[in-house]
Amino acid sequence: MPAIDRRQFLQRSGAVLLPAILPVAAMAGQSTKQELPADEPPVNFFGDGADFNPAQYIETLQKANAKEPIRRDFYGQGGAVAALEKKMAEITGKEKAIYMPTGTLANQLAIAELSGANTKVFVQDMSHVYRDEADAAQSVFGKRLMPLGMGQTYFTAAELKDAIDGLKSKEVFASGIGAVSIENPVRRTDGRMVPIDEISKISAYCRENKIPLHMDGARIFMTAAWSGVSVKEYASYFDTVYISLYKYFGTAGGAVLCGNSSLIDKMPHLIKIHGGTVFGNWVNAAMALHRMEGFEGRMKESIQKANIVFEGLNKIKGLKVTTLDGGTNIYAFEIGSGINAGTLQQKLNKDFGIRIPPADKNGKTTLTVNETILYREPAYIIKAFESCVS
């Protein structure tokens, strides 16, 4: 089989260390089975972005440094960190942005500062803030999380209003409404998004009633890609926005919090007293800046390729891919009873460098679209699945 021209993909995407797309012509008249080189990254139908091993990470930074020398920061000040913060402020349309070591710290500090002395914070029942941050709001910041939309992706403006109006009759002492937090998209509901119309209504209600609004936008770039609504438009409805760096920009960690200058200027001290000040953050900041270049274009191409791939998979007997209602980059995938799901998973990985999540006992799992789908042409991926079920 002809060697894969890896540089072709690098030139197209602006990324480094990513393999080139295998030309469809190279498959004509021959089997698609191949033993991939050890350093050839696979197509991953899970996760939100490309994942680099240490050697690839270092080489990626070397490429970025060759293009423009990376400047180090000093305890989060200056260098690549300052450049990243400026870029994120521009993308979100906010006055200022600040690098954070983790998304949890970004969420918690934003909500605590927005709330002031008021203790009640309304959140989605299925949100990361409510389910996955170790009760930090209660145990560290003295906030009482009030879940709405039980078991659902989002709550409505009407539900929020009813909950707030009901406080007078249901509670004896008024402790004050601190803030409202909305995660979008919601990881615990398979990446489903909050409708922009509902966000607009919630935002209008909160502003009318002077209630600060925070967005956990860890994966907001995925919502933007699948909804067609820009990150800036989403951010415009909120006072503060947190965005993850490692979920799809390939960094080893880190986050960014965006908001008005008066709030963001308080964050360095708050980060310090909570033990989050790190001597050097330039490694993650430089990687994020580098990988952000051309990201929107790569996601558009990924969606186009995924549509072709899933249309092809749906023509294979025993396989079914469907979109989720209100979904983003996660799709439902069903494997028929006549197909051994475990064997399919193993063969795809071993013979074709395509990885899918394990299926449950009913043959159901998900396929998550990210830019690794660009590593191969759609025809190659379709043929691989077809070969593994025949």
Foldseek 3Di string as FASTA:
>chain_A
DDDFPQVVVCVVQLFPLARAADDPVVPPPHALWDFDPPSHAFQEQDFAADADDPVRLVVRLVVLCVVPNFFWAFLQHDTLSQVLFVVVCVQQVFATKGKFQALLVLVQLVLLVQQDQFAEEEEAQQACNNPPNPCCSCPPRNHDYDHDPVPDQDDALVRVVVVVVCCVVPDDDGRHYRAYEHEAGGVSVPRFGDDPVRLQSNLVVCVVVVHAYEYADQPVLLVCLFVVPGSNSSSVSHQKYKYWQCRHLHFPGIIMMGHYPVSVVPPSVVCVVVPTRDRIDSSSSSSSVSSVVSQSVLSNVLVVQVVLLQVLQCVAPQWHWADDVNHTQKIKIAGHPLFDQVQLQVQCCRTPSYHDDGAPPRRIDIGGTYSSSSNYGSVSSSSSSNVSRD
